[in-house]
């Protein structure tokens, strides 16, 4: 079986870093991905994909990505159980990032320092050296697999 996705797009909302009850870092963000074909009106449609990053990758994404940044995300689909009420639950697909490559900083903001580009390159180098299990979510009690 093969479970892998590759997206290239722009960060639509500023990534939000949280710490789980287990102490793991989790960053979620929305990625705007333009479709490769035109619709009936001759325009390109855009899909908004929810991305989840764990541990060291979560820290890096929260530190260096902002609204408008262009990134490449390589990841997988993982199903998550969402409890609506005590007797109702849903299975929600999550795109879990294994790697995030920073393609372009958002230069529209004047508060982005010149040193940020060097820091991004250093973070990308560290991310590529990270072990794959660093990006895996920790086992949660009662989580559906």
N, C-alpha and C. Protein backbone atom coordinates (compact mmCIF):
# COMPACT_ATOMS: atom_id res chain seq x y z
N UNK A 1 0.83 -1.18 0.00
CA UNK A 1 0.00 0.00 0.00
C UNK A 1 0.88 1.25 0.00
N UNK A 2 0.32 2.32 -0.54
CA UNK A 2 1.07 3.57 -0.66
C UNK A 2 0.18 4.70 -0.17
N UNK A 3 0.60 5.42 0.84
CA UNK A 3 -0.18 6.50 1.42
C UNK A 3 0.72 7.72 1.50
N UNK A 4 0.71 8.54 0.44
CA UNK A 4 1.58 9.70 0.41
C UNK A 4 0.94 10.82 -0.41
N UNK A 5 1.08 12.04 0.08
CA UNK A 5 0.59 13.23 -0.59
C UNK A 5 1.73 14.22 -0.75
N UNK A 6 1.67 15.01 -1.81
CA UNK A 6 2.62 16.10 -2.01
C UNK A 6 1.82 17.32 -2.44
N UNK A 7 1.89 18.38 -1.64
CA UNK A 7 1.19 19.63 -1.92
C UNK A 7 2.21 20.76 -2.02
N UNK A 8 1.97 21.68 -2.94
CA UNK A 8 2.72 22.92 -2.99
C UNK A 8 1.69 24.04 -3.00
N UNK A 9 1.82 24.94 -2.06
CA UNK A 9 0.85 26.03 -1.98
C UNK A 9 1.30 27.10 -1.02
N UNK A 10 0.37 27.99 -0.71
CA UNK A 10 0.65 29.10 0.20
C UNK A 10 -0.10 28.90 1.51
N UNK A 11 0.55 29.27 2.59
CA UNK A 11 -0.06 29.18 3.91
C UNK A 11 -1.19 30.21 3.97
N UNK A 12 -2.41 29.73 4.20
CA UNK A 12 -3.58 30.60 4.18
C UNK A 12 -3.86 31.23 5.54
N UNK A 13 -3.49 30.55 6.61
CA UNK A 13 -3.67 31.07 7.96
C UNK A 13 -2.39 30.83 8.73
N UNK A 14 -2.06 31.74 9.62
CA UNK A 14 -0.85 31.60 10.41
C UNK A 14 -0.90 30.30 11.20
N UNK A 15 0.17 29.49 11.11
CA UNK A 15 0.21 28.21 11.85
C UNK A 15 0.08 28.43 13.36
N UNK A 16 -0.67 27.55 13.99
CA UNK A 16 -0.90 27.63 15.44
C UNK A 16 -0.21 26.46 16.13
N UNK A 17 0.70 26.77 17.04
CA UNK A 17 1.44 25.76 17.79
C UNK A 17 0.75 25.52 19.13
N UNK A 18 0.48 24.26 19.44
CA UNK A 18 -0.08 23.88 20.74
C UNK A 18 0.73 22.70 21.27
N UNK A 19 0.61 22.47 22.55
CA UNK A 19 1.25 21.32 23.18
C UNK A 19 0.14 20.38 23.64
N UNK A 20 0.25 19.11 23.27
CA UNK A 20 -0.77 18.13 23.65
C UNK A 20 -0.62 17.77 25.12
N UNK A 21 -1.58 17.01 25.65
CA UNK A 21 -1.51 16.56 27.04
C UNK A 21 -0.28 15.69 27.28
N UNK A 22 0.20 15.02 26.23
CA UNK A 22 1.39 14.17 26.34
C UNK A 22 2.68 14.98 26.27
N UNK A 23 2.58 16.29 26.00
CA UNK A 23 3.76 17.15 25.91
C UNK A 23 4.34 17.26 24.51
N UNK A 24 3.67 16.71 23.51
CA UNK A 24 4.15 16.78 22.13
C UNK A 24 3.70 18.09 21.48
N UNK A 25 4.57 18.66 20.65
CA UNK A 25 4.24 19.88 19.92
C UNK A 25 3.38 19.52 18.70
N UNK A 26 2.33 20.28 18.47
CA UNK A 26 1.44 20.08 17.33
C UNK A 26 1.15 21.44 16.71
N UNK A 27 1.40 21.55 15.41
CA UNK A 27 1.07 22.76 14.67
C UNK A 27 0.10 22.39 13.57
N UNK A 28 -0.98 23.14 13.49
CA UNK A 28 -1.95 22.98 12.41
C UNK A 28 -1.99 24.26 11.60
N UNK A 29 -2.12 24.09 10.27
CA UNK A 29 -2.27 25.26 9.41
C UNK A 29 -3.04 24.88 8.17
N UNK A 30 -3.55 25.90 7.48
CA UNK A 30 -4.31 25.71 6.26
C UNK A 30 -3.43 26.08 5.08
N UNK A 31 -3.38 25.19 4.09
CA UNK A 31 -2.58 25.41 2.89
C UNK A 31 -3.51 25.63 1.71
N UNK A 32 -3.34 26.74 1.00
CA UNK A 32 -4.13 27.04 -0.20
C UNK A 32 -3.38 26.45 -1.40
N UNK A 33 -4.04 25.52 -2.11
CA UNK A 33 -3.42 24.82 -3.24
C UNK A 33 -4.26 25.06 -4.48
N UNK A 34 -3.66 25.69 -5.48
CA UNK A 34 -4.37 25.97 -6.73
C UNK A 34 -4.46 24.69 -7.56
N UNK A 35 -5.63 24.44 -8.11
CA UNK A 35 -5.80 23.27 -8.99
C UNK A 35 -5.06 23.50 -10.30
N UNK A 36 -4.67 22.42 -10.97
CA UNK A 36 -3.86 22.52 -12.18
C UNK A 36 -4.69 22.69 -13.45
N UNK A 37 -5.99 22.78 -13.31
CA UNK A 37 -6.86 22.95 -14.48
C UNK A 37 -7.85 24.07 -14.23
N UNK A 38 -8.41 24.59 -15.32
CA UNK A 38 -9.37 25.69 -15.22
C UNK A 38 -10.80 25.16 -15.12
N UNK A 39 -11.65 25.91 -14.44
CA UNK A 39 -13.06 25.52 -14.34
C UNK A 39 -13.80 25.98 -15.60
N UNK A 40 -15.11 25.82 -15.62
CA UNK A 40 -15.92 26.16 -16.80
C UNK A 40 -15.86 27.66 -17.12
N UNK A 41 -15.60 28.50 -16.14
CA UNK A 41 -15.51 29.95 -16.36
C UNK A 41 -14.10 30.38 -16.78
N UNK A 42 -13.17 29.42 -16.87
CA UNK A 42 -11.82 29.74 -17.29
C UNK A 42 -10.88 30.15 -16.17
N UNK A 43 -11.33 30.00 -14.91
CA UNK A 43 -10.52 30.38 -13.75
C UNK A 43 -9.98 29.13 -13.05
N UNK A 44 -8.92 29.33 -12.29
CA UNK A 44 -8.39 28.24 -11.47
C UNK A 44 -9.09 28.25 -10.12
N UNK A 45 -9.51 27.09 -9.64
CA UNK A 45 -10.08 26.96 -8.31
C UNK A 45 -8.95 26.67 -7.32
N UNK A 46 -9.20 26.95 -6.06
CA UNK A 46 -8.22 26.72 -5.01
C UNK A 46 -8.85 25.82 -3.95
N UNK A 47 -8.08 24.83 -3.51
CA UNK A 47 -8.50 23.97 -2.41
C UNK A 47 -7.75 24.39 -1.16
N UNK A 48 -8.42 24.31 -0.01
CA UNK A 48 -7.81 24.66 1.27
C UNK A 48 -7.66 23.38 2.07
N UNK A 49 -6.41 22.98 2.29
CA UNK A 49 -6.09 21.69 2.91
C UNK A 49 -5.58 21.93 4.32
N UNK A 50 -6.13 21.19 5.28
CA UNK A 50 -5.68 21.28 6.67
C UNK A 50 -4.47 20.35 6.86
N UNK A 51 -3.38 20.90 7.40
CA UNK A 51 -2.14 20.17 7.58
C UNK A 51 -1.81 20.11 9.07
N UNK A 52 -1.32 18.96 9.54
CA UNK A 52 -0.88 18.80 10.92
C UNK A 52 0.60 18.41 10.92
N UNK A 53 1.39 19.08 11.77
CA UNK A 53 2.81 18.78 11.93
C UNK A 53 3.06 18.46 13.40
N UNK A 54 3.95 17.52 13.65
CA UNK A 54 4.24 17.08 15.01
C UNK A 54 5.70 17.33 15.39
N UNK A 55 5.94 17.49 16.67
CA UNK A 55 7.25 17.52 17.31
C UNK A 55 8.17 18.60 16.74
N UNK A 56 9.38 18.26 16.34
CA UNK A 56 10.36 19.25 15.87
C UNK A 56 9.85 19.98 14.63
N UNK A 57 9.20 19.25 13.74
CA UNK A 57 8.66 19.87 12.53
C UNK A 57 7.60 20.92 12.90
N UNK A 58 6.79 20.62 13.90
CA UNK A 58 5.77 21.57 14.37
C UNK A 58 6.41 22.86 14.85
N UNK A 59 7.50 22.75 15.60
CA UNK A 59 8.20 23.95 16.09
C UNK A 59 8.75 24.78 14.94
N UNK A 60 9.36 24.13 13.96
CA UNK A 60 9.96 24.85 12.83
C UNK A 60 8.91 25.57 12.00
N UNK A 61 7.81 24.88 11.72
CA UNK A 61 6.74 25.48 10.91
C UNK A 61 6.16 26.69 11.64
N UNK A 62 5.91 26.55 12.95
CA UNK A 62 5.36 27.67 13.72
C UNK A 62 6.33 28.86 13.76
N UNK A 63 7.63 28.58 13.80
CA UNK A 63 8.64 29.64 13.87
C UNK A 63 8.83 30.38 12.55
N UNK A 64 8.77 29.67 11.42
CA UNK A 64 9.20 30.25 10.15
C UNK A 64 8.11 30.49 9.12
N UNK A 65 6.94 29.89 9.28
CA UNK A 65 5.88 30.06 8.28
C UNK A 65 4.86 31.08 8.75
N UNK A 66 4.45 31.91 7.83
CA UNK A 66 3.39 32.88 8.11
C UNK A 66 2.42 32.90 6.95
N UNK A 67 1.36 33.64 7.09
CA UNK A 67 0.37 33.75 6.04
C UNK A 67 1.05 34.23 4.75
N UNK A 68 0.83 33.52 3.66
CA UNK A 68 1.40 33.88 2.37
C UNK A 68 2.69 33.16 2.03
N UNK A 69 3.33 32.50 3.00
CA UNK A 69 4.56 31.76 2.72
C UNK A 69 4.26 30.59 1.78
N UNK A 70 5.15 30.36 0.81
CA UNK A 70 4.97 29.23 -0.09
C UNK A 70 5.78 28.05 0.45
N UNK A 71 5.10 26.90 0.58
CA UNK A 71 5.74 25.71 1.12
C UNK A 71 5.37 24.48 0.30
N UNK A 72 6.20 23.47 0.42
CA UNK A 72 5.91 22.15 -0.13
C UNK A 72 5.72 21.23 1.07
N UNK A 73 4.63 20.45 1.06
CA UNK A 73 4.32 19.54 2.15
C UNK A 73 4.24 18.13 1.61
N UNK A 74 5.05 17.25 2.17
CA UNK A 74 4.99 15.83 1.84
C UNK A 74 4.47 15.13 3.08
N UNK A 75 3.41 14.35 2.92
CA UNK A 75 2.82 13.71 4.08
C UNK A 75 1.91 12.56 3.73
N UNK A 76 1.09 12.20 4.69
CA UNK A 76 0.20 11.04 4.54
C UNK A 76 -1.17 11.36 5.14
N UNK A 77 -2.16 10.56 4.77
CA UNK A 77 -3.49 10.70 5.35
C UNK A 77 -3.58 9.76 6.54
N UNK A 78 -4.12 10.30 7.61
CA UNK A 78 -4.32 9.50 8.82
C UNK A 78 -5.70 9.82 9.34
N UNK A 79 -6.47 8.82 9.68
CA UNK A 79 -7.83 9.04 10.17
C UNK A 79 -7.82 9.33 11.66
N UNK A 80 -8.64 10.32 12.05
CA UNK A 80 -8.75 10.74 13.44
C UNK A 80 -10.20 10.63 13.87
N UNK A 81 -10.42 10.12 15.07
CA UNK A 81 -11.78 9.98 15.59
C UNK A 81 -12.17 11.26 16.32
N UNK A 82 -13.31 11.84 15.93
CA UNK A 82 -13.80 13.06 16.54
C UNK A 82 -15.09 12.72 17.28
N UNK A 83 -15.11 12.97 18.59
CA UNK A 83 -16.29 12.69 19.41
C UNK A 83 -17.19 13.92 19.39
N UNK A 84 -18.38 13.77 18.81
CA UNK A 84 -19.33 14.88 18.72
C UNK A 84 -20.15 14.95 20.01
N UNK A 85 -20.73 13.83 20.38
CA UNK A 85 -21.43 13.69 21.66
C UNK A 85 -21.01 12.36 22.25
N UNK A 86 -21.58 12.00 23.39
CA UNK A 86 -21.21 10.74 24.03
C UNK A 86 -21.50 9.53 23.15
N UNK A 87 -22.55 9.62 22.34
CA UNK A 87 -22.92 8.47 21.52
C UNK A 87 -22.65 8.66 20.02
N UNK A 88 -22.13 9.83 19.63
CA UNK A 88 -21.85 10.07 18.22
C UNK A 88 -20.38 10.42 18.02
N UNK A 89 -19.81 9.85 16.97
CA UNK A 89 -18.43 10.15 16.60
C UNK A 89 -18.27 10.10 15.10
N UNK A 90 -17.25 10.79 14.61
CA UNK A 90 -16.95 10.83 13.18
C UNK A 90 -15.49 10.50 12.98
N UNK A 91 -15.18 9.98 11.80
CA UNK A 91 -13.79 9.78 11.41
C UNK A 91 -13.42 10.93 10.48
N UNK A 92 -12.36 11.65 10.81
CA UNK A 92 -11.92 12.83 10.07
C UNK A 92 -10.54 12.53 9.49
N UNK A 93 -10.34 12.78 8.18
CA UNK A 93 -9.00 12.58 7.62
C UNK A 93 -8.09 13.76 7.98
N UNK A 94 -6.89 13.46 8.43
CA UNK A 94 -5.85 14.46 8.69
C UNK A 94 -4.74 14.26 7.68
N UNK A 95 -4.19 15.34 7.15
CA UNK A 95 -2.96 15.26 6.37
C UNK A 95 -1.84 15.52 7.37
N UNK A 96 -1.05 14.51 7.66
CA UNK A 96 0.06 14.63 8.61
C UNK A 96 1.34 14.83 7.81
N UNK A 97 2.00 15.95 8.03
CA UNK A 97 3.21 16.28 7.29
C UNK A 97 4.39 15.47 7.79
N UNK A 98 5.12 14.89 6.86
CA UNK A 98 6.40 14.24 7.18
C UNK A 98 7.54 15.22 6.97
N UNK A 99 7.42 16.06 5.92
CA UNK A 99 8.41 17.10 5.66
C UNK A 99 7.69 18.35 5.16
N UNK A 100 8.23 19.50 5.52
CA UNK A 100 7.75 20.79 5.00
C UNK A 100 8.99 21.52 4.51
N UNK A 101 8.98 21.88 3.23
CA UNK A 101 10.09 22.62 2.64
C UNK A 101 9.63 24.06 2.45
N UNK A 102 10.40 24.99 2.99
CA UNK A 102 10.08 26.41 2.88
C UNK A 102 10.57 26.90 1.53
N UNK A 103 9.66 27.21 0.62
CA UNK A 103 10.03 27.62 -0.73
C UNK A 103 10.22 29.13 -0.86
N UNK A 104 9.39 29.91 -0.16
CA UNK A 104 9.50 31.37 -0.27
C UNK A 104 8.89 32.01 0.96
N UNK A 105 9.64 32.93 1.55
CA UNK A 105 9.12 33.70 2.68
C UNK A 105 8.08 34.69 2.18
N UNK A 106 7.19 35.05 3.04
CA UNK A 106 6.23 36.10 2.73
C UNK A 106 6.97 37.43 2.87
N UNK A 107 7.33 38.05 1.77
CA UNK A 107 8.08 39.30 1.78
C UNK A 107 7.18 40.52 1.89
N UNK A 108 5.87 40.33 1.98
CA UNK A 108 4.95 41.47 2.08
C UNK A 108 5.07 42.15 3.44
N UNK A 109 5.58 41.43 4.42
CA UNK A 109 5.69 41.98 5.76
C UNK A 109 7.03 42.66 5.94
N UNK A 110 7.04 43.90 6.44
CA UNK A 110 8.29 44.63 6.63
C UNK A 110 9.02 44.20 7.88
N UNK A 111 8.37 43.40 8.75
CA UNK A 111 9.03 42.99 9.98
C UNK A 111 9.78 41.66 9.84
N UNK A 112 9.95 41.15 8.61
CA UNK A 112 10.73 39.93 8.39
C UNK A 112 12.19 40.34 8.24
N UNK A 113 13.06 39.96 9.18
CA UNK A 113 14.45 40.39 9.11
C UNK A 113 15.22 39.67 8.02
N UNK A 114 16.32 40.30 7.58
CA UNK A 114 17.18 39.72 6.55
C UNK A 114 17.74 38.36 6.97
N UNK A 115 18.00 38.22 8.28
CA UNK A 115 18.59 36.98 8.79
C UNK A 115 17.62 35.80 8.70
N UNK A 116 16.34 36.08 8.47
CA UNK A 116 15.35 35.00 8.44
C UNK A 116 15.63 34.02 7.32
N UNK A 117 16.10 34.50 6.18
CA UNK A 117 16.39 33.61 5.06
C UNK A 117 17.47 32.59 5.43
N UNK A 118 18.54 33.04 6.09
CA UNK A 118 19.60 32.14 6.52
C UNK A 118 19.06 31.16 7.56
N UNK A 119 18.21 31.64 8.46
CA UNK A 119 17.63 30.78 9.48
C UNK A 119 16.72 29.73 8.84
N UNK A 120 15.97 30.12 7.79
CA UNK A 120 15.13 29.16 7.08
C UNK A 120 15.96 28.06 6.45
N UNK A 121 17.05 28.44 5.79
CA UNK A 121 17.91 27.45 5.15
C UNK A 121 18.50 26.51 6.19
N UNK A 122 18.90 27.02 7.35
CA UNK A 122 19.43 26.18 8.41
C UNK A 122 18.35 25.23 8.94
N UNK A 123 17.13 25.74 9.08
CA UNK A 123 16.03 24.90 9.57
C UNK A 123 15.69 23.81 8.57
N UNK A 124 15.72 24.14 7.27
CA UNK A 124 15.46 23.14 6.24
C UNK A 124 16.52 22.05 6.28
N UNK A 125 17.78 22.43 6.46
CA UNK A 125 18.86 21.45 6.53
C UNK A 125 18.67 20.54 7.74
N UNK A 126 18.30 21.11 8.89
CA UNK A 126 18.05 20.31 10.07
C UNK A 126 16.85 19.39 9.86
N UNK A 127 15.81 19.91 9.24
CA UNK A 127 14.60 19.10 9.02
C UNK A 127 14.90 17.92 8.11
N UNK A 128 15.74 18.11 7.11
CA UNK A 128 16.05 17.00 6.21
C UNK A 128 16.93 15.95 6.88
N UNK A 129 17.65 16.36 7.94
CA UNK A 129 18.49 15.41 8.68
C UNK A 129 17.72 14.69 9.77
N UNK A 130 16.51 15.18 10.11
CA UNK A 130 15.72 14.59 11.19
C UNK A 130 15.31 13.17 10.81
N UNK A 131 15.21 12.35 11.82
CA UNK A 131 14.73 10.99 11.59
C UNK A 131 13.25 11.03 11.27
N UNK A 132 12.75 10.13 10.40
CA UNK A 132 11.32 10.14 10.04
C UNK A 132 10.40 10.01 11.24
N UNK A 133 10.80 9.28 12.28
CA UNK A 133 9.91 9.09 13.42
C UNK A 133 9.72 10.37 14.22
N UNK A 134 10.56 11.40 14.01
CA UNK A 134 10.38 12.67 14.68
C UNK A 134 9.08 13.34 14.28
N UNK A 135 8.56 13.05 13.10
CA UNK A 135 7.35 13.69 12.63
C UNK A 135 6.10 12.86 12.88
N UNK A 136 6.27 11.71 13.50
CA UNK A 136 5.10 10.88 13.78
C UNK A 136 4.42 11.34 15.06
N UNK A 137 3.08 11.31 15.07
CA UNK A 137 2.39 11.72 16.28
C UNK A 137 2.59 10.68 17.38
N UNK A 138 2.61 11.11 18.64
CA UNK A 138 2.74 10.15 19.73
C UNK A 138 1.46 9.34 19.85
N UNK A 139 1.58 8.17 20.42
CA UNK A 139 0.41 7.32 20.63
C UNK A 139 -0.48 7.96 21.67
N UNK A 140 -1.70 8.24 21.30
CA UNK A 140 -2.67 8.82 22.24
C UNK A 140 -3.52 7.69 22.79
N UNK A 141 -3.86 7.80 24.08
CA UNK A 141 -4.71 6.78 24.67
C UNK A 141 -6.09 6.84 24.02
N UNK A 142 -6.60 5.70 23.61
CA UNK A 142 -7.92 5.62 23.03
C UNK A 142 -8.03 6.16 21.62
N UNK A 143 -6.92 6.46 20.99
CA UNK A 143 -6.96 6.99 19.61
C UNK A 143 -7.20 5.85 18.63
N UNK A 144 -8.00 6.12 17.63
CA UNK A 144 -8.30 5.11 16.60
C UNK A 144 -7.14 5.04 15.65
N UNK A 145 -6.75 3.87 15.28
CA UNK A 145 -5.67 3.65 14.31
C UNK A 145 -6.16 2.76 13.20
